Structures are given as C-alpha cells and as structure tokens.
Amino acid sequence: LEAALSVELIEQPGFVSGNIHRSLDSDHV
C-alpha cells in the first residue's frame, strides 16, 4: 500500500493525502 500510494497516488490530480495504520491486535490495515 505504501508503494502504491507513493508511486501512483502522489501525482494523481485531486488526491490530497493518505495515511496507513496497522492494527496491533489483528492483521487489519
């Protein structure tokens, strides 16, 4: 996800920001 955001979304018109959070008690992101 970090790679996709950094490569494909960072230059996408209208994309403002993205934050990724990993769960500490499960595999969720």
mmCIF file of all heavy atoms, coordinates in Angstrom:
data_MODEL
# 
_entry.id   MODEL 
# 
loop_
_atom_site.group_PDB 
_atom_site.id 
_atom_site.type_symbol 
_atom_site.label_atom_id 
_atom_site.label_alt_id 
_atom_site.label_comp_id 
_atom_site.label_asym_id 
_atom_site.label_entity_id 
_atom_site.label_seq_id 
_atom_site.pdbx_PDB_ins_code 
_atom_site.Cartn_x 
_atom_site.Cartn_y 
_atom_site.Cartn_z 
_atom_site.occupancy 
_atom_site.B_iso_or_equiv 
_atom_site.pdbx_formal_charge 
_atom_site.auth_seq_id 
_atom_site.auth_comp_id 
_atom_site.auth_asym_id 
_atom_site.auth_atom_id 
_atom_site.pdbx_PDB_model_num 
ATOM 1   N N   . LEU A 1 1  ? 0.831   -1.212  0.000   1.00 0.00 ? 1  LEU A N   1 
ATOM 2   C CA  . LEU A 1 1  ? 0.000   0.000   0.000   1.00 0.00 ? 1  LEU A CA  1 
ATOM 3   C C   . LEU A 1 1  ? 0.860   1.254   0.000   1.00 0.00 ? 1  LEU A C   1 
ATOM 4   O O   . LEU A 1 1  ? 0.582   2.205   -0.729  1.00 0.00 ? 1  LEU A O   1 
ATOM 5   C CB  . LEU A 1 1  ? -0.915  0.023   1.226   1.00 0.00 ? 1  LEU A CB  1 
ATOM 6   C CG  . LEU A 1 1  ? -2.193  -0.769  1.138   1.00 0.00 ? 1  LEU A CG  1 
ATOM 7   C CD1 . LEU A 1 1  ? -2.967  -0.638  2.446   1.00 0.00 ? 1  LEU A CD1 1 
ATOM 8   C CD2 . LEU A 1 1  ? -3.044  -0.329  -0.019  1.00 0.00 ? 1  LEU A CD2 1 
ATOM 9   N N   . GLU A 1 2  ? 1.889   1.245   0.813   1.00 0.00 ? 2  GLU A N   1 
ATOM 10  C CA  . GLU A 1 2  ? 2.770   2.403   0.878   1.00 0.00 ? 2  GLU A CA  1 
ATOM 11  C C   . GLU A 1 2  ? 3.395   2.669   -0.490  1.00 0.00 ? 2  GLU A C   1 
ATOM 12  O O   . GLU A 1 2  ? 3.458   3.815   -0.939  1.00 0.00 ? 2  GLU A O   1 
ATOM 13  C CB  . GLU A 1 2  ? 3.845   2.161   1.925   1.00 0.00 ? 2  GLU A CB  1 
ATOM 14  C CG  . GLU A 1 2  ? 4.650   3.381   2.246   1.00 0.00 ? 2  GLU A CG  1 
ATOM 15  C CD  . GLU A 1 2  ? 5.606   3.120   3.386   1.00 0.00 ? 2  GLU A CD  1 
ATOM 16  O OE1 . GLU A 1 2  ? 5.191   2.564   4.416   1.00 0.00 ? 2  GLU A OE1 1 
ATOM 17  O OE2 . GLU A 1 2  ? 6.780   3.496   3.223   1.00 0.00 ? 2  GLU A OE2 1 
ATOM 18  N N   . ALA A 1 3  ? 3.831   1.618   -1.165  1.00 0.00 ? 3  ALA A N   1 
ATOM 19  C CA  . ALA A 1 3  ? 4.410   1.776   -2.506  1.00 0.00 ? 3  ALA A CA  1 
ATOM 20  C C   . ALA A 1 3  ? 3.375   2.307   -3.487  1.00 0.00 ? 3  ALA A C   1 
ATOM 21  O O   . ALA A 1 3  ? 3.655   3.221   -4.272  1.00 0.00 ? 3  ALA A O   1 
ATOM 22  C CB  . ALA A 1 3  ? 4.979   0.443   -2.990  1.00 0.00 ? 3  ALA A CB  1 
ATOM 23  N N   . ALA A 1 4  ? 2.172   1.758   -3.440  1.00 0.00 ? 4  ALA A N   1 
ATOM 24  C CA  . ALA A 1 4  ? 1.119   2.196   -4.359  1.00 0.00 ? 4  ALA A CA  1 
ATOM 25  C C   . ALA A 1 4  ? 0.769   3.663   -4.131  1.00 0.00 ? 4  ALA A C   1 
ATOM 26  O O   . ALA A 1 4  ? 0.605   4.431   -5.078  1.00 0.00 ? 4  ALA A O   1 
ATOM 27  C CB  . ALA A 1 4  ? -0.120  1.324   -4.202  1.00 0.00 ? 4  ALA A CB  1 
ATOM 28  N N   . LEU A 1 5  ? 0.668   4.060   -2.886  1.00 0.00 ? 5  LEU A N   1 
ATOM 29  C CA  . LEU A 1 5  ? 0.346   5.452   -2.584  1.00 0.00 ? 5  LEU A CA  1 
ATOM 30  C C   . LEU A 1 5  ? 1.475   6.379   -3.024  1.00 0.00 ? 5  LEU A C   1 
ATOM 31  O O   . LEU A 1 5  ? 1.233   7.426   -3.611  1.00 0.00 ? 5  LEU A O   1 
ATOM 32  C CB  . LEU A 1 5  ? 0.084   5.625   -1.090  1.00 0.00 ? 5  LEU A CB  1 
ATOM 33  C CG  . LEU A 1 5  ? -1.172  4.950   -0.562  1.00 0.00 ? 5  LEU A CG  1 
ATOM 34  C CD1 . LEU A 1 5  ? -1.231  5.042   0.953   1.00 0.00 ? 5  LEU A CD1 1 
ATOM 35  C CD2 . LEU A 1 5  ? -2.409  5.543   -1.170  1.00 0.00 ? 5  LEU A CD2 1 
ATOM 36  N N   . SER A 1 6  ? 2.703   5.981   -2.745  1.00 0.00 ? 6  SER A N   1 
ATOM 37  C CA  . SER A 1 6  ? 3.860   6.816   -3.067  1.00 0.00 ? 6  SER A CA  1 
ATOM 38  C C   . SER A 1 6  ? 4.110   6.938   -4.561  1.00 0.00 ? 6  SER A C   1 
ATOM 39  O O   . SER A 1 6  ? 4.601   7.962   -5.026  1.00 0.00 ? 6  SER A O   1 
ATOM 40  C CB  . SER A 1 6  ? 5.116   6.249   -2.397  1.00 0.00 ? 6  SER A CB  1 
ATOM 41  O OG  . SER A 1 6  ? 4.983   6.288   -1.009  1.00 0.00 ? 6  SER A OG  1 
ATOM 42  N N   . VAL A 1 7  ? 3.777   5.905   -5.306  1.00 0.00 ? 7  VAL A N   1 
ATOM 43  C CA  . VAL A 1 7  ? 4.064   5.893   -6.738  1.00 0.00 ? 7  VAL A CA  1 
ATOM 44  C C   . VAL A 1 7  ? 2.873   6.355   -7.572  1.00 0.00 ? 7  VAL A C   1 
ATOM 45  O O   . VAL A 1 7  ? 3.022   7.182   -8.468  1.00 0.00 ? 7  VAL A O   1 
ATOM 46  C CB  . VAL A 1 7  ? 4.489   4.470   -7.186  1.00 0.00 ? 7  VAL A CB  1 
ATOM 47  C CG1 . VAL A 1 7  ? 4.606   4.372   -8.692  1.00 0.00 ? 7  VAL A CG1 1 
ATOM 48  C CG2 . VAL A 1 7  ? 5.797   4.086   -6.513  1.00 0.00 ? 7  VAL A CG2 1 
ATOM 49  N N   . GLU A 1 8  ? 1.691   5.842   -7.286  1.00 0.00 ? 8  GLU A N   1 
ATOM 50  C CA  . GLU A 1 8  ? 0.545   6.073   -8.159  1.00 0.00 ? 8  GLU A CA  1 
ATOM 51  C C   . GLU A 1 8  ? -0.403  7.178   -7.696  1.00 0.00 ? 8  GLU A C   1 
ATOM 52  O O   . GLU A 1 8  ? -1.008  7.854   -8.516  1.00 0.00 ? 8  GLU A O   1 
ATOM 53  C CB  . GLU A 1 8  ? -0.232  4.776   -8.359  1.00 0.00 ? 8  GLU A CB  1 
ATOM 54  C CG  . GLU A 1 8  ? 0.591   3.760   -9.114  1.00 0.00 ? 8  GLU A CG  1 
ATOM 55  C CD  . GLU A 1 8  ? -0.026  2.384   -9.181  1.00 0.00 ? 8  GLU A CD  1 
ATOM 56  O OE1 . GLU A 1 8  ? -1.018  2.112   -8.468  1.00 0.00 ? 8  GLU A OE1 1 
ATOM 57  O OE2 . GLU A 1 8  ? 0.495   1.571   -9.950  1.00 0.00 ? 8  GLU A OE2 1 
ATOM 58  N N   . LEU A 1 9  ? -0.525  7.368   -6.401  1.00 0.00 ? 9  LEU A N   1 
ATOM 59  C CA  . LEU A 1 9  ? -1.487  8.363   -5.931  1.00 0.00 ? 9  LEU A CA  1 
ATOM 60  C C   . LEU A 1 9  ? -0.865  9.734   -5.704  1.00 0.00 ? 9  LEU A C   1 
ATOM 61  O O   . LEU A 1 9  ? -1.553  10.747  -5.850  1.00 0.00 ? 9  LEU A O   1 
ATOM 62  C CB  . LEU A 1 9  ? -2.166  7.891   -4.649  1.00 0.00 ? 9  LEU A CB  1 
ATOM 63  C CG  . LEU A 1 9  ? -3.172  6.774   -4.848  1.00 0.00 ? 9  LEU A CG  1 
ATOM 64  C CD1 . LEU A 1 9  ? -3.768  6.351   -3.522  1.00 0.00 ? 9  LEU A CD1 1 
ATOM 65  C CD2 . LEU A 1 9  ? -4.271  7.206   -5.789  1.00 0.00 ? 9  LEU A CD2 1 
ATOM 66  N N   . ILE A 1 10 ? 0.379   9.785   -5.367  1.00 0.00 ? 10 ILE A N   1 
ATOM 67  C CA  . ILE A 1 10 ? 1.012   11.044  -5.014  1.00 0.00 ? 10 ILE A CA  1 
ATOM 68  C C   . ILE A 1 10 ? 0.882   12.089  -6.119  1.00 0.00 ? 10 ILE A C   1 
ATOM 69  O O   . ILE A 1 10 ? 0.753   13.273  -5.849  1.00 0.00 ? 10 ILE A O   1 
ATOM 70  C CB  . ILE A 1 10 ? 2.480   10.820  -4.598  1.00 0.00 ? 10 ILE A CB  1 
ATOM 71  C CG1 . ILE A 1 10 ? 2.994   11.990  -3.781  1.00 0.00 ? 10 ILE A CG1 1 
ATOM 72  C CG2 . ILE A 1 10 ? 3.365   10.549  -5.789  1.00 0.00 ? 10 ILE A CG2 1 
ATOM 73  C CD1 . ILE A 1 10 ? 2.470   12.030  -2.393  1.00 0.00 ? 10 ILE A CD1 1 
ATOM 74  N N   . GLU A 1 11 ? 0.886   11.646  -7.383  1.00 0.00 ? 11 GLU A N   1 
ATOM 75  C CA  . GLU A 1 11 ? 0.775   12.559  -8.514  1.00 0.00 ? 11 GLU A CA  1 
ATOM 76  C C   . GLU A 1 11 ? -0.645  12.624  -9.085  1.00 0.00 ? 11 GLU A C   1 
ATOM 77  O O   . GLU A 1 11 ? -0.891  13.362  -10.032 1.00 0.00 ? 11 GLU A O   1 
ATOM 78  C CB  . GLU A 1 11 ? 1.745   12.143  -9.623  1.00 0.00 ? 11 GLU A CB  1 
ATOM 79  C CG  . GLU A 1 11 ? 3.205   12.156  -9.217  1.00 0.00 ? 11 GLU A CG  1 
ATOM 80  C CD  . GLU A 1 11 ? 3.727   13.552  -8.894  1.00 0.00 ? 11 GLU A CD  1 
ATOM 81  O OE1 . GLU A 1 11 ? 3.255   14.524  -9.518  1.00 0.00 ? 11 GLU A OE1 1 
ATOM 82  O OE2 . GLU A 1 11 ? 4.599   13.675  -8.027  1.00 0.00 ? 11 GLU A OE2 1 
ATOM 83  N N   . GLN A 1 12 ? -1.569  11.857  -8.533  1.00 0.00 ? 12 GLN A N   1 
ATOM 84  C CA  . GLN A 1 12 ? -2.928  11.801  -9.053  1.00 0.00 ? 12 GLN A CA  1 
ATOM 85  C C   . GLN A 1 12 ? -3.663  13.115  -8.769  1.00 0.00 ? 12 GLN A C   1 
ATOM 86  O O   . GLN A 1 12 ? -3.771  13.532  -7.613  1.00 0.00 ? 12 GLN A O   1 
ATOM 87  C CB  . GLN A 1 12 ? -3.684  10.632  -8.410  1.00 0.00 ? 12 GLN A CB  1 
ATOM 88  C CG  . GLN A 1 12 ? -5.103  10.468  -8.879  1.00 0.00 ? 12 GLN A CG  1 
ATOM 89  C CD  . GLN A 1 12 ? -5.201  10.008  -10.327 1.00 0.00 ? 12 GLN A CD  1 
ATOM 90  O OE1 . GLN A 1 12 ? -4.311  9.352   -10.842 1.00 0.00 ? 12 GLN A OE1 1 
ATOM 91  N NE2 . GLN A 1 12 ? -6.283  10.362  -10.973 1.00 0.00 ? 12 GLN A NE2 1 
ATOM 92  N N   . PRO A 1 13 ? -4.168  13.785  -9.803  1.00 0.00 ? 13 PRO A N   1 
ATOM 93  C CA  . PRO A 1 13 ? -4.923  15.019  -9.565  1.00 0.00 ? 13 PRO A CA  1 
ATOM 94  C C   . PRO A 1 13 ? -6.101  14.763  -8.616  1.00 0.00 ? 13 PRO A C   1 
ATOM 95  O O   . PRO A 1 13 ? -6.831  13.792  -8.754  1.00 0.00 ? 13 PRO A O   1 
ATOM 96  C CB  . PRO A 1 13 ? -5.427  15.402  -10.962 1.00 0.00 ? 13 PRO A CB  1 
ATOM 97  C CG  . PRO A 1 13 ? -4.457  14.757  -11.893 1.00 0.00 ? 13 PRO A CG  1 
ATOM 98  C CD  . PRO A 1 13 ? -4.062  13.461  -11.231 1.00 0.00 ? 13 PRO A CD  1 
ATOM 99  N N   . GLY A 1 14 ? -6.221  15.624  -7.625  1.00 0.00 ? 14 GLY A N   1 
ATOM 100 C CA  . GLY A 1 14 ? -7.326  15.509  -6.675  1.00 0.00 ? 14 GLY A CA  1 
ATOM 101 C C   . GLY A 1 14 ? -7.028  14.659  -5.457  1.00 0.00 ? 14 GLY A C   1 
ATOM 102 O O   . GLY A 1 14 ? -7.802  14.659  -4.503  1.00 0.00 ? 14 GLY A O   1 
ATOM 103 N N   . PHE A 1 15 ? -5.902  13.944  -5.459  1.00 0.00 ? 15 PHE A N   1 
ATOM 104 C CA  . PHE A 1 15 ? -5.511  13.193  -4.268  1.00 0.00 ? 15 PHE A CA  1 
ATOM 105 C C   . PHE A 1 15 ? -4.904  14.175  -3.281  1.00 0.00 ? 15 PHE A C   1 
ATOM 106 O O   . PHE A 1 15 ? -4.007  14.935  -3.618  1.00 0.00 ? 15 PHE A O   1 
ATOM 107 C CB  . PHE A 1 15 ? -4.498  12.102  -4.618  1.00 0.00 ? 15 PHE A CB  1 
ATOM 108 C CG  . PHE A 1 15 ? -3.930  11.399  -3.410  1.00 0.00 ? 15 PHE A CG  1 
ATOM 109 C CD1 . PHE A 1 15 ? -4.707  10.534  -2.674  1.00 0.00 ? 15 PHE A CD1 1 
ATOM 110 C CD2 . PHE A 1 15 ? -2.614  11.609  -3.026  1.00 0.00 ? 15 PHE A CD2 1 
ATOM 111 C CE1 . PHE A 1 15 ? -4.191  9.886   -1.560  1.00 0.00 ? 15 PHE A CE1 1 
ATOM 112 C CE2 . PHE A 1 15 ? -2.092  10.966  -1.922  1.00 0.00 ? 15 PHE A CE2 1 
ATOM 113 C CZ  . PHE A 1 15 ? -2.872  10.102  -1.186  1.00 0.00 ? 15 PHE A CZ  1 
ATOM 114 N N   . VAL A 1 16 ? -5.414  14.184  -2.054  1.00 0.00 ? 16 VAL A N   1 
ATOM 115 C CA  . VAL A 1 16 ? -4.928  15.122  -1.049  1.00 0.00 ? 16 VAL A CA  1 
ATOM 116 C C   . VAL A 1 16 ? -3.929  14.447  -0.127  1.00 0.00 ? 16 VAL A C   1 
ATOM 117 O O   . VAL A 1 16 ? -2.801  14.894  0.017   1.00 0.00 ? 16 VAL A O   1 
ATOM 118 C CB  . VAL A 1 16 ? -6.101  15.726  -0.245  1.00 0.00 ? 16 VAL A CB  1 
ATOM 119 C CG1 . VAL A 1 16 ? -5.590  16.632  0.875   1.00 0.00 ? 16 VAL A CG1 1 
ATOM 120 C CG2 . VAL A 1 16 ? -7.046  16.482  -1.171  1.00 0.00 ? 16 VAL A CG2 1 
ATOM 121 N N   . SER A 1 17 ? -4.329  13.349  0.505   1.00 0.00 ? 17 SER A N   1 
ATOM 122 C CA  . SER A 1 17 ? -3.422  12.676  1.430   1.00 0.00 ? 17 SER A CA  1 
ATOM 123 C C   . SER A 1 17 ? -3.919  11.274  1.737   1.00 0.00 ? 17 SER A C   1 
ATOM 124 O O   . SER A 1 17 ? -5.093  10.961  1.560   1.00 0.00 ? 17 SER A O   1 
ATOM 125 C CB  . SER A 1 17 ? -3.293  13.465  2.741   1.00 0.00 ? 17 SER A CB  1 
ATOM 126 O OG  . SER A 1 17 ? -4.511  13.405  3.468   1.00 0.00 ? 17 SER A OG  1 
ATOM 127 N N   . GLY A 1 18 ? -2.997  10.459  2.211   1.00 0.00 ? 18 GLY A N   1 
ATOM 128 C CA  . GLY A 1 18 ? -3.341  9.112   2.636   1.00 0.00 ? 18 GLY A CA  1 
ATOM 129 C C   . GLY A 1 18 ? -2.515  8.725   3.851   1.00 0.00 ? 18 GLY A C   1 
ATOM 130 O O   . GLY A 1 18 ? -1.349  9.110   3.967   1.00 0.00 ? 18 GLY A O   1 
ATOM 131 N N   . ASN A 1 19 ? -3.121  8.017   4.760   1.00 0.00 ? 19 ASN A N   1 
ATOM 132 C CA  . ASN A 1 19 ? -2.447  7.533   5.958   1.00 0.00 ? 19 ASN A CA  1 
ATOM 133 C C   . ASN A 1 19 ? -2.784  6.063   6.124   1.00 0.00 ? 19 ASN A C   1 
ATOM 134 O O   . ASN A 1 19 ? -3.942  5.666   5.940   1.00 0.00 ? 19 ASN A O   1 
ATOM 135 C CB  . ASN A 1 19 ? -2.915  8.304   7.195   1.00 0.00 ? 19 ASN A CB  1 
ATOM 136 C CG  . ASN A 1 19 ? -2.521  9.761   7.129   1.00 0.00 ? 19 ASN A CG  1 
ATOM 137 O OD1 . ASN A 1 19 ? -1.436  10.124  7.504   1.00 0.00 ? 19 ASN A OD1 1 
ATOM 138 N ND2 . ASN A 1 19 ? -3.418  10.590  6.614   1.00 0.00 ? 19 ASN A ND2 1 
ATOM 139 N N   . ILE A 1 20 ? -1.786  5.281   6.463   1.00 0.00 ? 20 ILE A N   1 
ATOM 140 C CA  . ILE A 1 20 ? -1.985  3.839   6.643   1.00 0.00 ? 20 ILE A CA  1 
ATOM 141 C C   . ILE A 1 20 ? -1.713  3.510   8.098   1.00 0.00 ? 20 ILE A C   1 
ATOM 142 O O   . ILE A 1 20 ? -0.710  3.946   8.665   1.00 0.00 ? 20 ILE A O   1 
ATOM 143 C CB  . ILE A 1 20 ? -1.046  3.030   5.730   1.00 0.00 ? 20 ILE A CB  1 
ATOM 144 C CG1 . ILE A 1 20 ? -1.268  3.410   4.266   1.00 0.00 ? 20 ILE A CG1 1 
ATOM 145 C CG2 . ILE A 1 20 ? -1.265  1.532   5.940   1.00 0.00 ? 20 ILE A CG2 1 
ATOM 146 C CD1 . ILE A 1 20 ? -0.222  2.840   3.319   1.00 0.00 ? 20 ILE A CD1 1 
ATOM 147 N N   . HIS A 1 21 ? -2.600  2.746   8.682   1.00 0.00 ? 21 HIS A N   1 
ATOM 148 C CA  . HIS A 1 21 ? -2.476  2.334   10.083  1.00 0.00 ? 21 HIS A CA  1 
ATOM 149 C C   . HIS A 1 21 ? -2.543  0.812   10.140  1.00 0.00 ? 21 HIS A C   1 
ATOM 150 O O   . HIS A 1 21 ? -3.458  0.221   9.563   1.00 0.00 ? 21 HIS A O   1 
ATOM 151 C CB  . HIS A 1 21 ? -3.630  2.903   10.918  1.00 0.00 ? 21 HIS A CB  1 
ATOM 152 C CG  . HIS A 1 21 ? -3.810  4.375   10.769  1.00 0.00 ? 21 HIS A CG  1 
ATOM 153 N ND1 . HIS A 1 21 ? -3.248  5.282   11.626  1.00 0.00 ? 21 HIS A ND1 1 
ATOM 154 C CD2 . HIS A 1 21 ? -4.483  5.086   9.834   1.00 0.00 ? 21 HIS A CD2 1 
ATOM 155 C CE1 . HIS A 1 21 ? -3.578  6.511   11.232  1.00 0.00 ? 21 HIS A CE1 1 
ATOM 156 N NE2 . HIS A 1 21 ? -4.321  6.410   10.156  1.00 0.00 ? 21 HIS A NE2 1 
ATOM 157 N N   . ARG A 1 22 ? -1.608  0.192   10.846  1.00 0.00 ? 22 ARG A N   1 
ATOM 158 C CA  . ARG A 1 22 ? -1.660  -1.259  11.007  1.00 0.00 ? 22 ARG A CA  1 
ATOM 159 C C   . ARG A 1 22 ? -2.216  -1.571  12.393  1.00 0.00 ? 22 ARG A C   1 
ATOM 160 O O   . ARG A 1 22 ? -1.866  -0.930  13.378  1.00 0.00 ? 22 ARG A O   1 
ATOM 161 C CB  . ARG A 1 22 ? -0.295  -1.897  10.815  1.00 0.00 ? 22 ARG A CB  1 
ATOM 162 C CG  . ARG A 1 22 ? 0.730   -1.526  11.844  1.00 0.00 ? 22 ARG A CG  1 
ATOM 163 C CD  . ARG A 1 22 ? 2.053   -2.263  11.619  1.00 0.00 ? 22 ARG A CD  1 
ATOM 164 N NE  . ARG A 1 22 ? 3.034   -1.843  12.598  1.00 0.00 ? 22 ARG A NE  1 
ATOM 165 C CZ  . ARG A 1 22 ? 3.128   -2.327  13.829  1.00 0.00 ? 22 ARG A CZ  1 
ATOM 166 N NH1 . ARG A 1 22 ? 2.288   -3.266  14.238  1.00 0.00 ? 22 ARG A NH1 1 
ATOM 167 N NH2 . ARG A 1 22 ? 4.036   -1.876  14.659  1.00 0.00 ? 22 ARG A NH2 1 
ATOM 168 N N   . SER A 1 23 ? -3.088  -2.541  12.451  1.00 0.00 ? 23 SER A N   1 
ATOM 169 C CA  . SER A 1 23 ? -3.671  -2.959  13.718  1.00 0.00 ? 23 SER A CA  1 
ATOM 170 C C   . SER A 1 23 ? -2.594  -3.642  14.557  1.00 0.00 ? 23 SER A C   1 
ATOM 171 O O   . SER A 1 23 ? -1.761  -4.376  14.040  1.00 0.00 ? 23 SER A O   1 
ATOM 172 C CB  . SER A 1 23 ? -4.816  -3.936  13.465  1.00 0.00 ? 23 SER A CB  1 
ATOM 173 O OG  . SER A 1 23 ? -5.277  -4.465  14.689  1.00 0.00 ? 23 SER A OG  1 
ATOM 174 N N   . LEU A 1 24 ? -2.646  -3.399  15.861  1.00 0.00 ? 24 LEU A N   1 
ATOM 175 C CA  . LEU A 1 24 ? -1.703  -4.040  16.772  1.00 0.00 ? 24 LEU A CA  1 
ATOM 176 C C   . LEU A 1 24 ? -2.253  -5.338  17.339  1.00 0.00 ? 24 LEU A C   1 
ATOM 177 O O   . LEU A 1 24 ? -1.513  -6.103  17.952  1.00 0.00 ? 24 LEU A O   1 
ATOM 178 C CB  . LEU A 1 24 ? -1.350  -3.084  17.919  1.00 0.00 ? 24 LEU A CB  1 
ATOM 179 C CG  . LEU A 1 24 ? -0.693  -1.770  17.492  1.00 0.00 ? 24 LEU A CG  1 
ATOM 180 C CD1 . LEU A 1 24 ? -0.465  -0.881  18.711  1.00 0.00 ? 24 LEU A CD1 1 
ATOM 181 C CD2 . LEU A 1 24 ? 0.605   -2.019  16.743  1.00 0.00 ? 24 LEU A CD2 1 
ATOM 182 N N   . ASP A 1 25 ? -3.552  -5.607  17.125  1.00 0.00 ? 25 ASP A N   1 
ATOM 183 C CA  . ASP A 1 25 ? -4.142  -6.815  17.693  1.00 0.00 ? 25 ASP A CA  1 
ATOM 184 C C   . ASP A 1 25 ? -4.746  -7.751  16.652  1.00 0.00 ? 25 ASP A C   1 
ATOM 185 O O   . ASP A 1 25 ? -5.439  -8.703  17.000  1.00 0.00 ? 25 ASP A O   1 
ATOM 186 C CB  . ASP A 1 25 ? -5.193  -6.453  18.750  1.00 0.00 ? 25 ASP A CB  1 
ATOM 187 C CG  . ASP A 1 25 ? -6.408  -5.741  18.166  1.00 0.00 ? 25 ASP A CG  1 
ATOM 188 O OD1 . ASP A 1 25 ? -6.401  -5.420  16.958  1.00 0.00 ? 25 ASP A OD1 1 
ATOM 189 O OD2 . ASP A 1 25 ? -7.372  -5.516  18.926  1.00 0.00 ? 25 ASP A OD2 1 
ATOM 190 N N   . SER A 1 26 ? -4.511  -7.458  15.375  1.00 0.00 ? 26 SER A N   1 
ATOM 191 C CA  . SER A 1 26 ? -5.025  -8.313  14.302  1.00 0.00 ? 26 SER A CA  1 
ATOM 192 C C   . SER A 1 26 ? -4.217  -8.020  13.044  1.00 0.00 ? 26 SER A C   1 
ATOM 193 O O   . SER A 1 26 ? -3.278  -7.232  13.073  1.00 0.00 ? 26 SER A O   1 
ATOM 194 C CB  . SER A 1 26 ? -6.511  -8.044  14.055  1.00 0.00 ? 26 SER A CB  1 
ATOM 195 O OG  . SER A 1 26 ? -6.684  -6.757  13.480  1.00 0.00 ? 26 SER A OG  1 
ATOM 196 N N   . ASP A 1 27 ? -4.599  -8.627  11.935  1.00 0.00 ? 27 ASP A N   1 
ATOM 197 C CA  . ASP A 1 27 ? -3.916  -8.385  10.669  1.00 0.00 ? 27 ASP A CA  1 
ATOM 198 C C   . ASP A 1 27 ? -4.526  -7.228  9.887   1.00 0.00 ? 27 ASP A C   1 
ATOM 199 O O   . ASP A 1 27 ? -4.101  -6.948  8.772   1.00 0.00 ? 27 ASP A O   1 
ATOM 200 C CB  . ASP A 1 27 ? -3.949  -9.656  9.796   1.00 0.00 ? 27 ASP A CB  1 
ATOM 201 C CG  . ASP A 1 27 ? -2.953  -10.700 10.263  1.00 0.00 ? 27 ASP A CG  1 
ATOM 202 O OD1 . ASP A 1 27 ? -1.932  -10.326 10.876  1.00 0.00 ? 27 ASP A OD1 1 
ATOM 203 O OD2 . ASP A 1 27 ? -3.182  -11.888 9.997   1.00 0.00 ? 27 ASP A OD2 1 
ATOM 204 N N   . HIS A 1 28 ? -5.517  -6.546  10.438  1.00 0.00 ? 28 HIS A N   1 
ATOM 205 C CA  . HIS A 1 28 ? -6.190  -5.468  9.714   1.00 0.00 ? 28 HIS A CA  1 
ATOM 206 C C   . HIS A 1 28 ? -5.259  -4.290  9.438   1.00 0.00 ? 28 HIS A C   1 
ATOM 207 O O   . HIS A 1 28 ? -4.321  -4.020  10.180  1.00 0.00 ? 28 HIS A O   1 
ATOM 208 C CB  . HIS A 1 28 ? -7.416  -4.974  10.493  1.00 0.00 ? 28 HIS A CB  1 
ATOM 209 C CG  . HIS A 1 28 ? -8.495  -5.981  10.554  1.00 0.00 ? 28 HIS A CG  1 
ATOM 210 N ND1 . HIS A 1 28 ? -8.678  -6.803  11.632  1.00 0.00 ? 28 HIS A ND1 1 
ATOM 211 C CD2 . HIS A 1 28 ? -9.435  -6.317  9.653   1.00 0.00 ? 28 HIS A CD2 1 
ATOM 212 C CE1 . HIS A 1 28 ? -9.698  -7.606  11.397  1.00 0.00 ? 28 HIS A CE1 1 
ATOM 213 N NE2 . HIS A 1 28 ? -10.180 -7.330  10.196  1.00 0.00 ? 28 HIS A NE2 1 
ATOM 214 N N   . VAL A 1 29 ? -5.577  -3.585  8.358   1.00 0.00 ? 29 VAL A N   1 
ATOM 215 C CA  . VAL A 1 29 ? -4.879  -2.367  7.972   1.00 0.00 ? 29 VAL A CA  1 
ATOM 216 C C   . VAL A 1 29 ? -5.956  -1.339  7.634   1.00 0.00 ? 29 VAL A C   1 
ATOM 217 O O   . VAL A 1 29 ? -6.898  -1.647  6.903   1.00 0.00 ? 29 VAL A O   1 
ATOM 218 C CB  . VAL A 1 29 ? -3.963  -2.614  6.747   1.00 0.00 ? 29 VAL A CB  1 
ATOM 219 C CG1 . VAL A 1 29 ? -3.328  -1.314  6.283   1.00 0.00 ? 29 VAL A CG1 1 
ATOM 220 C CG2 . VAL A 1 29 ? -2.901  -3.660  7.068   1.00 0.00 ? 29 VAL A CG2 1 
# 
